[in-house]
Amino acid sequence: MSQAFTAGAEPEFSLTTFKVRVLLVDDQLLVVEAVRRMLSDQPDIEFHFVTNPAAAIDCAERLQPTVILQDLVMPGWDGFDLIRRYRASAQLEHVPVIVLSARDEAASKAHGFAVGANDYLVKLPDRLELLARVRYHSGAYISRLQRDEAFRFLRESQKHLAEANIELQKLAALDSLTGIANRRRFDETLHHEWQRAQRERRPLSLLLCDIDCFKLYNDTFGHLAGDLCLKKAAAVLTACLKRPADLAARYGGEEFALVLPDTDEAGARSVAEYCLRALAELGIDNPQAPHRIVTMSIGMATLIPASGTAPADLVEYADRALYSAKGDGRNRASGAF
């Protein structure tokens, strides 16, 4: 079977073509030879045999026949017991078994079906009848194998699709340049955390962070260096967050946002000061800027969501605080609490 999974393309799939494979379990070589001759001119049928009943199970599990022809009377062995063992094997439990017996008794036939046989022939049967029974039972079994194969492929396809969807959701929520959450993810997270904070009556803080004099940096070093600067800033902000629920996102351009659930004013200021120090410690040159290195200004806002308020209010307060930080000389955090 051929399967291939390629991004953007449907996986390839084709059902395996199974060959009719007959296993005869009979201790009489004359019977073995007679059956072999009956099947010998059929190119689509493989014939195998085992004369030692003790080896029948191992042989069948190795060959995986599409039908087993089973004698009932063999030295030291009961053919009915062998049928029970086939049915107890996970590899053979569904393989069709045709009893091939010298006994033409109703009780024997009934017992054969009771222990798991699929058919019963008195040996030696007519060649055409044997071929018809072998093909009928093998065909039904092969159809079962192909159906199971198709179901397995479907389950694998669904699993791959689910995994691909998860990856797409992750990618759709990430900023392609910095690798942190994008504006869409920020909006979703802020809305979710706002609702949770409103239910639990807990504080929610937002930091809006803007890289100071970023246009001067771009004009001095070029856009490739500017992109690298944004990546470094994003890495710094991410490293400053210690809790799984905290989120760092690219808000737009050179502006970033930190969502801090269950965080009061003091906690928000602590995170903001940490971010300011961490970026300054990188010492990224920006000779045209007042501080001679890359810095950022941060606007802080904290609210306990109440009736009549909305996430947009928190954004507006943080934005006003950011404007204040810029006006007060940059490289600082200002709060609107």
C-alpha atoms as a PDB file:
ATOM      1  CA  MET A   1       0.000   0.000   0.000  1.00  0.00           C
ATOM      2  CA  SER A   2       1.262   3.430  -0.889  1.00  0.00           C
ATOM      3  CA  GLN A   3       0.652   6.381   1.404  1.00  0.00           C
ATOM      4  CA  ALA A   4       2.183   9.835   1.271  1.00  0.00           C
ATOM      5  CA  PHE A   5       1.287  12.971   3.213  1.00  0.00           C
ATOM      6  CA  THR A   6       2.299  16.247   1.584  1.00  0.00           C
ATOM      7  CA  ALA A   7       1.458  19.700   2.854  1.00  0.00           C
ATOM      8  CA  GLY A   8      -1.353  21.194   0.810  1.00  0.00           C
ATOM      9  CA  ALA A   9      -2.184  17.935  -0.977  1.00  0.00           C
ATOM     10  CA  GLU A  10      -4.532  15.049  -0.375  1.00  0.00           C
ATOM     11  CA  PRO A  11      -2.739  11.932   0.950  1.00  0.00           C
ATOM     12  CA  GLU A  12      -2.370   9.120  -1.560  1.00  0.00           C
ATOM     13  CA  PHE A  13      -4.106   5.846  -0.803  1.00  0.00           C
ATOM     14  CA  SER A  14      -4.801   2.602  -2.619  1.00  0.00           C
ATOM     15  CA  LEU A  15      -6.131  -0.650  -1.223  1.00  0.00           C
ATOM     16  CA  THR A  16      -3.682  -3.511  -1.025  1.00  0.00           C
ATOM     17  CA  THR A  17      -4.307  -6.250  -3.581  1.00  0.00           C
ATOM     18  CA  PHE A  18      -4.363  -9.438  -1.524  1.00  0.00           C
ATOM     19  CA  LYS A  19      -3.717 -12.789  -3.191  1.00  0.00           C
ATOM     20  CA  VAL A  20      -5.792 -15.862  -2.392  1.00  0.00           C
ATOM     21  CA  ARG A  21      -3.582 -17.929  -0.101  1.00  0.00           C
ATOM     22  CA  VAL A  22      -4.673 -21.436   0.903  1.00  0.00           C
ATOM     23  CA  LEU A  23      -3.230 -23.337   3.857  1.00  0.00           C
ATOM     24  CA  LEU A  24      -4.098 -27.042   4.054  1.00  0.00           C
ATOM     25  CA  VAL A  25      -3.628 -28.719   7.448  1.00  0.00           C
ATOM     26  CA  ASP A  26      -3.722 -32.492   6.847  1.00  0.00           C
ATOM     27  CA  ASP A  27      -1.377 -35.308   7.848  1.00  0.00           C
ATOM     28  CA  GLN A  28      -2.067 -37.379   4.707  1.00  0.00           C
ATOM     29  CA  LEU A  29       0.286 -36.586   1.827  1.00  0.00           C
ATOM     30  CA  LEU A  30      -2.131 -38.179  -0.645  1.00  0.00           C
ATOM     31  CA  VAL A  31      -4.760 -35.605   0.307  1.00  0.00           C
ATOM     32  CA  VAL A  32      -2.180 -32.832   0.144  1.00  0.00           C
ATOM     33  CA  GLU A  33      -1.178 -33.849  -3.376  1.00  0.00           C
ATOM     34  CA  ALA A  34      -4.788 -34.171  -4.522  1.00  0.00           C
ATOM     35  CA  VAL A  35      -5.679 -30.692  -3.285  1.00  0.00           C
ATOM     36  CA  ARG A  36      -2.479 -29.245  -4.754  1.00  0.00           C
ATOM     37  CA  ARG A  37      -3.442 -30.584  -8.169  1.00  0.00           C
ATOM     38  CA  MET A  38      -6.938 -29.152  -7.927  1.00  0.00           C
ATOM     39  CA  LEU A  39      -5.475 -25.695  -7.363  1.00  0.00           C
ATOM     40  CA  SER A  40      -2.279 -25.900  -9.415  1.00  0.00           C
ATOM     41  CA  ASP A  41      -3.627 -24.329 -12.613  1.00  0.00           C
ATOM     42  CA  GLN A  42      -5.008 -21.266 -10.797  1.00  0.00           C
ATOM     43  CA  PRO A  43      -2.377 -18.501 -11.096  1.00  0.00           C
ATOM     44  CA  ASP A  44      -4.083 -16.272  -8.530  1.00  0.00           C
ATOM     45  CA  ILE A  45      -4.051 -18.917  -5.786  1.00  0.00           C
ATOM     46  CA  GLU A  46      -1.074 -19.730  -3.578  1.00  0.00           C
ATOM     47  CA  PHE A  47      -1.095 -23.199  -2.048  1.00  0.00           C
ATOM     48  CA  HIS A  48       0.661 -24.100   1.188  1.00  0.00           C
ATOM     49  CA  PHE A  49       0.336 -27.108   3.439  1.00  0.00           C
ATOM     50  CA  VAL A  50       1.459 -28.426   6.790  1.00  0.00           C
ATOM     51  CA  THR A  51       1.281 -32.122   7.756  1.00  0.00           C
ATOM     52  CA  ASN A  52       2.281 -31.642  11.392  1.00  0.00           C
ATOM     53  CA  PRO A  53      -0.747 -30.235  13.254  1.00  0.00           C
ATOM     54  CA  ALA A  54       1.529 -29.040  16.071  1.00  0.00           C
ATOM     55  CA  ALA A  55       3.030 -26.550  13.615  1.00  0.00           C
ATOM     56  CA  ALA A  56      -0.303 -25.394  12.170  1.00  0.00           C
ATOM     57  CA  ILE A  57      -0.773 -22.294  14.345  1.00  0.00           C
ATOM     58  CA  ASP A  58       2.762 -20.969  13.838  1.00  0.00           C
ATOM     59  CA  CYS A  59       2.577 -21.692  10.126  1.00  0.00           C
ATOM     60  CA  ALA A  60      -0.771 -19.942   9.751  1.00  0.00           C
ATOM     61  CA  GLU A  61       0.350 -16.867  11.706  1.00  0.00           C
ATOM     62  CA  ARG A  62       3.446 -16.636   9.517  1.00  0.00           C
ATOM     63  CA  LEU A  63       1.681 -17.174   6.164  1.00  0.00           C
ATOM     64  CA  GLN A  64      -1.502 -15.222   6.944  1.00  0.00           C
ATOM     65  CA  PRO A  65      -3.694 -17.358   4.643  1.00  0.00           C
ATOM     66  CA  THR A  66      -6.984 -16.114   3.249  1.00  0.00           C
ATOM     67  CA  VAL A  67      -8.539 -19.525   3.943  1.00  0.00           C
ATOM     68  CA  ILE A  68      -7.545 -22.624   5.950  1.00  0.00           C
ATOM     69  CA  LEU A  69      -8.539 -26.139   4.887  1.00  0.00           C
ATOM     70  CA  GLN A  70      -8.610 -28.125   8.101  1.00  0.00           C
ATOM     71  CA  ASP A  71      -8.663 -31.902   8.565  1.00  0.00           C
ATOM     72  CA  LEU A  72     -10.416 -33.151  11.687  1.00  0.00           C
ATOM     73  CA  VAL A  73      -8.702 -36.467  12.470  1.00  0.00           C
ATOM     74  CA  MET A  74      -4.914 -36.386  12.834  1.00  0.00           C
ATOM     75  CA  PRO A  75      -2.581 -38.457  15.033  1.00  0.00           C
ATOM     76  CA  GLY A  76      -2.622 -37.053  18.564  1.00  0.00           C
ATOM     77  CA  TRP A  77      -4.646 -33.994  17.555  1.00  0.00           C
ATOM     78  CA  ASP A  78      -8.247 -32.924  17.406  1.00  0.00           C
ATOM     79  CA  GLY A  79      -9.073 -30.740  14.408  1.00  0.00           C
ATOM     80  CA  PHE A  80     -11.868 -29.054  16.356  1.00  0.00           C
ATOM     81  CA  ASP A  81      -9.343 -27.980  18.972  1.00  0.00           C
ATOM     82  CA  LEU A  82      -7.149 -26.458  16.261  1.00  0.00           C
ATOM     83  CA  ILE A  83     -10.097 -24.410  15.020  1.00  0.00           C
ATOM     84  CA  ARG A  84     -10.608 -23.115  18.561  1.00  0.00           C
ATOM     85  CA  ARG A  85      -6.934 -22.115  18.644  1.00  0.00           C
ATOM     86  CA  TYR A  86      -7.251 -20.235  15.356  1.00  0.00           C
ATOM     87  CA  ARG A  87     -10.118 -18.287  16.836  1.00  0.00           C
ATOM     88  CA  ALA A  88      -8.097 -17.539  19.966  1.00  0.00           C
ATOM     89  CA  SER A  89      -5.262 -16.033  17.899  1.00  0.00           C
ATOM     90  CA  ALA A  90      -5.465 -12.288  17.260  1.00  0.00           C
ATOM     91  CA  GLN A  91      -3.859 -12.848  13.848  1.00  0.00           C
ATOM     92  CA  LEU A  92      -6.157 -15.693  12.796  1.00  0.00           C
ATOM     93  CA  GLU A  93      -9.465 -15.103  14.564  1.00  0.00           C
ATOM     94  CA  HIS A  94     -11.198 -13.954  11.365  1.00  0.00           C
ATOM     95  CA  VAL A  95      -9.459 -16.201   8.816  1.00  0.00           C
ATOM     96  CA  PRO A  96     -12.080 -18.470   7.192  1.00  0.00           C
ATOM     97  CA  VAL A  97     -11.735 -22.153   8.072  1.00  0.00           C
ATOM     98  CA  ILE A  98     -13.180 -24.851   5.817  1.00  0.00           C
ATOM     99  CA  VAL A  99     -13.347 -28.241   7.459  1.00  0.00           C
ATOM    100  CA  LEU A 100     -12.102 -30.943   5.068  1.00  0.00           C
ATOM    101  CA  SER A 101     -13.160 -34.196   6.660  1.00  0.00           C
ATOM    102  CA  ALA A 102     -13.953 -37.818   5.811  1.00  0.00           C
ATOM    103  CA  ARG A 103     -16.881 -37.612   8.233  1.00  0.00           C
ATOM    104  CA  ASP A 104     -20.201 -36.884   6.573  1.00  0.00           C
ATOM    105  CA  GLU A 105     -22.179 -36.599   9.781  1.00  0.00           C
ATOM    106  CA  ALA A 106     -24.619 -33.880  10.794  1.00  0.00           C
ATOM    107  CA  ALA A 107     -23.324 -33.853  14.376  1.00  0.00           C
ATOM    108  CA  SER A 108     -19.743 -33.411  13.198  1.00  0.00           C
ATOM    109  CA  LYS A 109     -20.744 -30.586  10.880  1.00  0.00           C
ATOM    110  CA  ALA A 110     -22.737 -28.869  13.618  1.00  0.00           C
ATOM    111  CA  HIS A 111     -19.839 -29.148  16.048  1.00  0.00           C
ATOM    112  CA  GLY A 112     -17.460 -27.731  13.448  1.00  0.00           C
ATOM    113  CA  PHE A 113     -19.619 -24.651  13.001  1.00  0.00           C
ATOM    114  CA  ALA A 114     -20.034 -24.344  16.770  1.00  0.00           C
ATOM    115  CA  VAL A 115     -16.270 -24.099  17.385  1.00  0.00           C
ATOM    116  CA  GLY A 116     -15.782 -21.510  14.642  1.00  0.00           C
ATOM    117  CA  ALA A 117     -15.576 -23.196  11.234  1.00  0.00           C
ATOM    118  CA  ASN A 118     -17.007 -21.279   8.271  1.00  0.00           C
ATOM    119  CA  ASP A 119     -17.723 -24.215   5.985  1.00  0.00           C
ATOM    120  CA  TYR A 120     -17.620 -27.994   5.847  1.00  0.00           C
ATOM    121  CA  LEU A 121     -16.609 -30.239   2.920  1.00  0.00           C
ATOM    122  CA  VAL A 122     -16.379 -33.998   2.762  1.00  0.00           C
ATOM    123  CA  LYS A 123     -13.076 -34.965   1.250  1.00  0.00           C
ATOM    124  CA  LEU A 124     -12.240 -35.192  -1.369  1.00  0.00           C
ATOM    125  CA  PRO A 125     -14.670 -32.648  -2.809  1.00  0.00           C
ATOM    126  CA  ASP A 126     -15.296 -31.930  -6.464  1.00  0.00           C
ATOM    127  CA  ARG A 127     -12.616 -29.610  -7.883  1.00  0.00           C
ATOM    128  CA  LEU A 128     -15.070 -26.953  -9.032  1.00  0.00           C
ATOM    129  CA  GLU A 129     -16.829 -26.982  -5.684  1.00  0.00           C
ATOM    130  CA  LEU A 130     -13.521 -26.640  -3.814  1.00  0.00           C
ATOM    131  CA  LEU A 131     -12.446 -23.736  -6.016  1.00  0.00           C
ATOM    132  CA  ALA A 132     -15.796 -22.028  -5.547  1.00  0.00           C
ATOM    133  CA  ARG A 133     -15.675 -22.377  -1.743  1.00  0.00           C
ATOM    134  CA  VAL A 134     -12.028 -21.235  -1.579  1.00  0.00           C
ATOM    135  CA  ARG A 135     -12.718 -18.172  -3.724  1.00  0.00           C
ATOM    136  CA  TYR A 136     -15.944 -17.294  -1.921  1.00  0.00           C
ATOM    137  CA  HIS A 137     -14.470 -17.387   1.587  1.00  0.00           C
ATOM    138  CA  SER A 138     -11.173 -15.808   0.513  1.00  0.00           C
ATOM    139  CA  GLY A 139     -13.015 -13.020  -1.269  1.00  0.00           C
ATOM    140  CA  ALA A 140     -15.087 -12.226   1.810  1.00  0.00           C
ATOM    141  CA  TYR A 141     -11.987 -12.248   4.014  1.00  0.00           C
ATOM    142  CA  ILE A 142     -10.012 -10.051   1.596  1.00  0.00           C
ATOM    143  CA  SER A 143     -12.910  -7.595   1.520  1.00  0.00           C
ATOM    144  CA  ARG A 144     -12.747  -7.479   5.302  1.00  0.00           C
ATOM    145  CA  LEU A 145      -8.993  -6.856   5.230  1.00  0.00           C
ATOM    146  CA  GLN A 146      -9.412  -4.044   2.703  1.00  0.00           C
ATOM    147  CA  ARG A 147     -12.246  -2.519   4.715  1.00  0.00           C
ATOM    148  CA  ASP A 148     -10.117  -2.587   7.881  1.00  0.00           C
ATOM    149  CA  GLU A 149      -7.232  -1.112   5.909  1.00  0.00           C
ATOM    150  CA  ALA A 150      -9.446   1.697   4.638  1.00  0.00           C
ATOM    151  CA  PHE A 151     -10.670   2.413   8.181  1.00  0.00           C
ATOM    152  CA  ARG A 152      -7.074   2.514   9.451  1.00  0.00           C
ATOM    153  CA  PHE A 153      -6.150   4.932   6.705  1.00  0.00           C
ATOM    154  CA  LEU A 154      -9.182   7.064   7.511  1.00  0.00           C
ATOM    155  CA  ARG A 155      -8.236   7.184  11.196  1.00  0.00           C
ATOM    156  CA  GLU A 156      -4.632   8.071  10.293  1.00  0.00           C
ATOM    157  CA  SER A 157      -5.865  10.750   7.884  1.00  0.00           C
ATOM    158  CA  GLN A 158      -8.124  12.212  10.552  1.00  0.00           C
ATOM    159  CA  LYS A 159      -5.244  12.184  13.018  1.00  0.00           C
ATOM    160  CA  HIS A 160      -2.933  13.921  10.535  1.00  0.00           C
ATOM    161  CA  LEU A 161      -5.664  16.421   9.724  1.00  0.00           C
ATOM    162  CA  ALA A 162      -6.252  17.170  13.402  1.00  0.00           C
ATOM    163  CA  GLU A 163      -2.513  17.632  13.960  1.00  0.00           C
ATOM    164  CA  ALA A 164      -2.264  19.851  10.885  1.00  0.00           C
ATOM    165  CA  ASN A 165      -5.202  21.941  12.093  1.00  0.00           C
ATOM    166  CA  ILE A 166      -3.554  22.396  15.473  1.00  0.00           C
ATOM    167  CA  GLU A 167      -0.345  23.528  13.782  1.00  0.00           C
ATOM    168  CA  LEU A 168      -2.281  25.889  11.519  1.00  0.00           C
ATOM    169  CA  GLN A 169      -4.052  27.354  14.538  1.00  0.00           C
ATOM    170  CA  LYS A 170      -0.696  27.892  16.217  1.00  0.00           C
ATOM    171  CA  LEU A 171       0.757  29.506  13.105  1.00  0.00           C
ATOM    172  CA  ALA A 172      -2.325  31.668  12.654  1.00  0.00           C
ATOM    173  CA  ALA A 173      -1.825  32.979  16.196  1.00  0.00           C
ATOM    174  CA  LEU A 174       1.872  33.839  15.780  1.00  0.00           C
ATOM    175  CA  ASP A 175       3.570  36.925  14.410  1.00  0.00           C
ATOM    176  CA  SER A 176       5.623  35.789  11.416  1.00  0.00           C
ATOM    177  CA  LEU A 177       8.582  38.056  12.192  1.00  0.00           C
ATOM    178  CA  THR A 178       9.057  37.750  15.944  1.00  0.00           C
ATOM    179  CA  GLY A 179       7.477  34.342  16.581  1.00  0.00           C
ATOM    180  CA  ILE A 180       5.417  35.610  19.514  1.00  0.00           C
ATOM    181  CA  ALA A 181       1.630  35.998  19.608  1.00  0.00           C
ATOM    182  CA  ASN A 182       0.124  38.245  16.963  1.00  0.00           C
ATOM    183  CA  ARG A 183      -2.586  40.903  17.239  1.00  0.00           C
ATOM    184  CA  ARG A 184      -5.344  38.357  16.645  1.00  0.00           C
ATOM    185  CA  ARG A 185      -4.109  36.176  19.505  1.00  0.00           C
ATOM    186  CA  PHE A 186      -3.765  39.256  21.702  1.00  0.00           C
ATOM    187  CA  ASP A 187      -7.379  40.296  21.073  1.00  0.00           C
ATOM    188  CA  GLU A 188      -8.658  36.772  21.799  1.00  0.00           C
ATOM    189  CA  THR A 189      -6.583  36.439  24.980  1.00  0.00           C
ATOM    190  CA  LEU A 190      -7.530  39.868  26.316  1.00  0.00           C
ATOM    191  CA  HIS A 191     -11.222  39.123  25.749  1.00  0.00           C
ATOM    192  CA  HIS A 192     -10.951  35.722  27.458  1.00  0.00           C
ATOM    193  CA  GLU A 193      -8.974  37.029  30.438  1.00  0.00           C
ATOM    194  CA  TRP A 194     -11.322  39.998  30.781  1.00  0.00           C
ATOM    195  CA  GLN A 195     -14.309  37.671  31.110  1.00  0.00           C
ATOM    196  CA  ARG A 196     -12.476  35.466  33.585  1.00  0.00           C
ATOM    197  CA  ALA A 197     -11.344  38.445  35.699  1.00  0.00           C
ATOM    198  CA  GLN A 198     -14.913  39.772  35.670  1.00  0.00           C
ATOM    199  CA  ARG A 199     -16.303  36.463  36.924  1.00  0.00           C
ATOM    200  CA  GLU A 200     -13.674  36.090  39.629  1.00  0.00           C
ATOM    201  CA  ARG A 201     -13.439  39.794  40.494  1.00  0.00           C
ATOM    202  CA  ARG A 202      -9.666  39.716  40.050  1.00  0.00           C
ATOM    203  CA  PRO A 203      -7.369  42.442  38.632  1.00  0.00           C
ATOM    204  CA  LEU A 204      -6.212  42.329  35.022  1.00  0.00           C
ATOM    205  CA  SER A 205      -3.189  44.342  33.885  1.00  0.00           C
ATOM    206  CA  LEU A 206      -2.054  45.388  30.421  1.00  0.00           C
ATOM    207  CA  LEU A 207       1.315  46.789  29.386  1.00  0.00           C
ATOM    208  CA  LEU A 208       1.710  48.510  26.024  1.00  0.00           C
ATOM    209  CA  CYS A 209       5.399  48.681  25.107  1.00  0.00           C
ATOM    210  CA  ASP A 210       6.759  50.844  22.297  1.00  0.00           C
ATOM    211  CA  ILE A 211      10.390  50.838  21.151  1.00  0.00           C
ATOM    212  CA  ASP A 212      11.732  54.365  21.429  1.00  0.00           C
ATOM    213  CA  CYS A 213      12.967  56.155  18.294  1.00  0.00           C
ATOM    214  CA  PHE A 214      12.621  53.019  16.199  1.00  0.00           C
ATOM    215  CA  LYS A 215      12.421  54.996  12.956  1.00  0.00           C
ATOM    216  CA  LEU A 216      15.832  56.516  13.713  1.00  0.00           C
ATOM    217  CA  TYR A 217      17.197  52.997  14.270  1.00  0.00           C
ATOM    218  CA  ASN A 218      15.782  51.820  10.940  1.00  0.00           C
ATOM    219  CA  ASP A 219      17.104  54.882   9.119  1.00  0.00           C
ATOM    220  CA  THR A 220      20.562  54.352  10.608  1.00  0.00           C
ATOM    221  CA  PHE A 221      20.997  50.592  10.249  1.00  0.00           C
ATOM    222  CA  GLY A 222      18.399  49.539   7.670  1.00  0.00           C
ATOM    223  CA  HIS A 223      15.296  47.370   7.757  1.00  0.00           C
ATOM    224  CA  LEU A 224      17.097  44.061   8.219  1.00  0.00           C
ATOM    225  CA  ALA A 225      18.715  45.366  11.384  1.00  0.00           C
ATOM    226  CA  GLY A 226      15.347  46.804  12.393  1.00  0.00           C
ATOM    227  CA  ASP A 227      13.734  43.395  12.041  1.00  0.00           C
ATOM    228  CA  LEU A 228      16.455  41.861  14.191  1.00  0.00           C
ATOM    229  CA  CYS A 229      15.903  44.572  16.799  1.00  0.00           C
ATOM    230  CA  LEU A 230      12.195  43.695  16.935  1.00  0.00           C
ATOM    231  CA  LYS A 231      13.038  40.026  17.374  1.00  0.00           C
ATOM    232  CA  LYS A 232      15.375  40.818  20.263  1.00  0.00           C
ATOM    233  CA  ALA A 233      12.774  43.024  21.919  1.00  0.00           C
ATOM    234  CA  ALA A 234      10.173  40.265  21.575  1.00  0.00           C
ATOM    235  CA  ALA A 235      12.595  37.762  23.128  1.00  0.00           C
ATOM    236  CA  VAL A 236      13.255  40.102  26.050  1.00  0.00           C
ATOM    237  CA  LEU A 237       9.558  40.617  26.751  1.00  0.00           C
ATOM    238  CA  THR A 238       8.859  36.904  26.545  1.00  0.00           C
ATOM    239  CA  ALA A 239      11.711  36.145  28.955  1.00  0.00           C
ATOM    240  CA  CYS A 240      10.311  38.646  31.451  1.00  0.00           C
ATOM    241  CA  LEU A 241       7.060  36.691  31.791  1.00  0.00           C
ATOM    242  CA  LYS A 242       7.169  33.877  34.325  1.00  0.00           C
ATOM    243  CA  ARG A 243       3.614  32.500  34.393  1.00  0.00           C
ATOM    244  CA  PRO A 244       1.966  30.339  31.733  1.00  0.00           C
ATOM    245  CA  ALA A 245      -1.115  32.570  31.634  1.00  0.00           C
ATOM    246  CA  ASP A 246       0.900  35.726  30.843  1.00  0.00           C
ATOM    247  CA  LEU A 247       1.041  36.667  27.156  1.00  0.00           C
ATOM    248  CA  ALA A 248       3.524  38.695  25.115  1.00  0.00           C
ATOM    249  CA  ALA A 249       2.199  39.799  21.729  1.00  0.00           C
ATOM    250  CA  ARG A 250       3.221  42.021  18.867  1.00  0.00           C
ATOM    251  CA  TYR A 251       0.589  44.732  18.891  1.00  0.00           C
ATOM    252  CA  GLY A 252       1.662  46.374  15.668  1.00  0.00           C
ATOM    253  CA  GLY A 253       4.840  47.789  14.110  1.00  0.00           C
ATOM    254  CA  GLU A 254       7.347  48.383  16.915  1.00  0.00           C
ATOM    255  CA  GLU A 255       4.657  48.157  19.596  1.00  0.00           C
ATOM    256  CA  PHE A 256       4.159  45.151  21.867  1.00  0.00           C
ATOM    257  CA  ALA A 257       1.571  44.212  24.489  1.00  0.00           C
ATOM    258  CA  LEU A 258       1.784  42.165  27.672  1.00  0.00           C
ATOM    259  CA  VAL A 259      -1.416  40.695  29.124  1.00  0.00           C
ATOM    260  CA  LEU A 260      -1.005  39.932  32.833  1.00  0.00           C
ATOM    261  CA  PRO A 261      -3.982  38.095  34.382  1.00  0.00           C
ATOM    262  CA  ASP A 262      -4.541  38.270  38.132  1.00  0.00           C
ATOM    263  CA  THR A 263      -1.933  41.056  38.423  1.00  0.00           C
ATOM    264  CA  ASP A 264      -2.380  44.256  40.437  1.00  0.00           C
ATOM    265  CA  GLU A 265      -0.698  47.654  39.946  1.00  0.00           C
ATOM    266  CA  ALA A 266       2.402  46.712  41.917  1.00  0.00           C
ATOM    267  CA  GLY A 267       2.825  43.495  39.962  1.00  0.00           C
ATOM    268  CA  ALA A 268       2.378  45.301  36.646  1.00  0.00           C
ATOM    269  CA  ARG A 269       4.994  47.889  37.556  1.00  0.00           C
ATOM    270  CA  SER A 270       7.423  45.191  38.659  1.00  0.00           C
ATOM    271  CA  VAL A 271       7.112  43.443  35.284  1.00  0.00           C
ATOM    272  CA  ALA A 272       7.445  46.745  33.415  1.00  0.00           C
ATOM    273  CA  GLU A 273      10.616  47.749  35.270  1.00  0.00           C
ATOM    274  CA  TYR A 274      12.061  44.302  34.642  1.00  0.00           C
ATOM    275  CA  CYS A 275      11.393  44.662  30.912  1.00  0.00           C
ATOM    276  CA  LEU A 276      13.001  48.108  30.776  1.00  0.00           C
ATOM    277  CA  ARG A 277      16.174  46.856  32.495  1.00  0.00           C
ATOM    278  CA  ALA A 278      16.418  43.702  30.416  1.00  0.00           C
ATOM    279  CA  LEU A 279      16.219  45.596  27.093  1.00  0.00           C
ATOM    280  CA  ALA A 280      18.686  48.251  28.231  1.00  0.00           C
ATOM    281  CA  GLU A 281      21.144  45.551  29.325  1.00  0.00           C
ATOM    282  CA  LEU A 282      21.344  44.308  25.740  1.00  0.00           C
ATOM    283  CA  GLY A 283      23.015  47.601  24.862  1.00  0.00           C
ATOM    284  CA  ILE A 284      21.743  47.703  21.279  1.00  0.00           C
ATOM    285  CA  ASP A 285      23.310  50.846  19.744  1.00  0.00           C
ATOM    286  CA  ASN A 286      20.939  53.555  18.545  1.00  0.00           C
ATOM    287  CA  PRO A 287      23.285  56.567  18.314  1.00  0.00           C
ATOM    288  CA  GLN A 288      20.640  58.987  16.998  1.00  0.00           C
ATOM    289  CA  ALA A 289      18.322  58.361  19.997  1.00  0.00           C
ATOM    290  CA  PRO A 290      18.462  60.395  23.224  1.00  0.00           C
ATOM    291  CA  HIS A 291      19.628  57.433  25.296  1.00  0.00           C
ATOM    292  CA  ARG A 292      22.110  56.230  22.610  1.00  0.00           C
ATOM    293  CA  ILE A 293      20.788  52.660  22.915  1.00  0.00           C
ATOM    294  CA  VAL A 294      17.524  50.945  22.074  1.00  0.00           C
ATOM    295  CA  THR A 295      14.998  51.520  24.861  1.00  0.00           C
ATOM    296  CA  MET A 296      11.236  51.300  25.196  1.00  0.00           C
ATOM    297  CA  SER A 297       8.424  53.199  26.820  1.00  0.00           C
ATOM    298  CA  ILE A 298       5.656  51.327  28.622  1.00  0.00           C
ATOM    299  CA  GLY A 299       2.091  52.295  29.425  1.00  0.00           C
ATOM    300  CA  MET A 300       0.520  50.362  32.294  1.00  0.00           C
ATOM    301  CA  ALA A 301      -3.142  49.905  33.131  1.00  0.00           C
ATOM    302  CA  THR A 302      -4.922  47.731  35.689  1.00  0.00           C
ATOM    303  CA  LEU A 303      -8.641  47.151  36.139  1.00  0.00           C
ATOM    304  CA  ILE A 304     -10.973  44.846  37.960  1.00  0.00           C
ATOM    305  CA  PRO A 305     -13.568  44.406  35.197  1.00  0.00           C
ATOM    306  CA  ALA A 306     -16.990  45.608  36.226  1.00  0.00           C
ATOM    307  CA  SER A 307     -20.376  45.944  34.602  1.00  0.00           C
ATOM    308  CA  GLY A 308     -20.358  48.685  31.988  1.00  0.00           C
ATOM    309  CA  THR A 309     -16.641  48.337  31.212  1.00  0.00           C
ATOM    310  CA  ALA A 310     -14.953  46.540  28.316  1.00  0.00           C
ATOM    311  CA  PRO A 311     -11.465  45.339  27.269  1.00  0.00           C
ATOM    312  CA  ALA A 312     -11.221  48.423  25.062  1.00  0.00           C
ATOM    313  CA  ASP A 313     -11.223  50.554  28.213  1.00  0.00           C
ATOM    314  CA  LEU A 314      -8.111  48.791  29.490  1.00  0.00           C
ATOM    315  CA  VAL A 315      -6.399  49.299  26.124  1.00  0.00           C
ATOM    316  CA  GLU A 316      -7.327  52.974  26.104  1.00  0.00           C
ATOM    317  CA  TYR A 317      -5.928  53.545  29.606  1.00  0.00           C
ATOM    318  CA  ALA A 318      -2.685  51.745  28.753  1.00  0.00           C
ATOM    319  CA  ASP A 319      -2.379  53.730  25.531  1.00  0.00           C
ATOM    320  CA  ARG A 320      -2.786  57.022  27.425  1.00  0.00           C
ATOM    321  CA  ALA A 321      -0.135  55.917  29.911  1.00  0.00           C
ATOM    322  CA  LEU A 322       2.196  55.015  27.036  1.00  0.00           C
ATOM    323  CA  TYR A 323       1.729  58.481  25.549  1.00  0.00           C
ATOM    324  CA  SER A 324       2.583  59.939  28.953  1.00  0.00           C
ATOM    325  CA  ALA A 325       5.764  57.812  29.193  1.00  0.00           C
ATOM    326  CA  LYS A 326       6.851  59.046  25.776  1.00  0.00           C
ATOM    327  CA  GLY A 327       6.200  62.654  26.751  1.00  0.00           C
ATOM    328  CA  ASP A 328       8.110  62.307  30.010  1.00  0.00           C
ATOM    329  CA  GLY A 329      11.359  61.382  28.246  1.00  0.00           C
ATOM    330  CA  ARG A 330      10.975  57.744  27.129  1.00  0.00           C
ATOM    331  CA  ASN A 331      12.719  54.663  28.585  1.00  0.00           C
ATOM    332  CA  ARG A 332      10.250  54.567  31.426  1.00  0.00           C
ATOM    333  CA  ALA A 333       6.909  53.122  32.540  1.00  0.00           C
ATOM    334  CA  SER A 334       3.889  55.245  33.295  1.00  0.00           C
ATOM    335  CA  GLY A 335       0.678  53.994  34.842  1.00  0.00           C
ATOM    336  CA  ALA A 336      -3.021  54.691  34.498  1.00  0.00           C
ATOM    337  CA  PHE A 337      -4.469  52.951  37.560  1.00  0.00           C
END
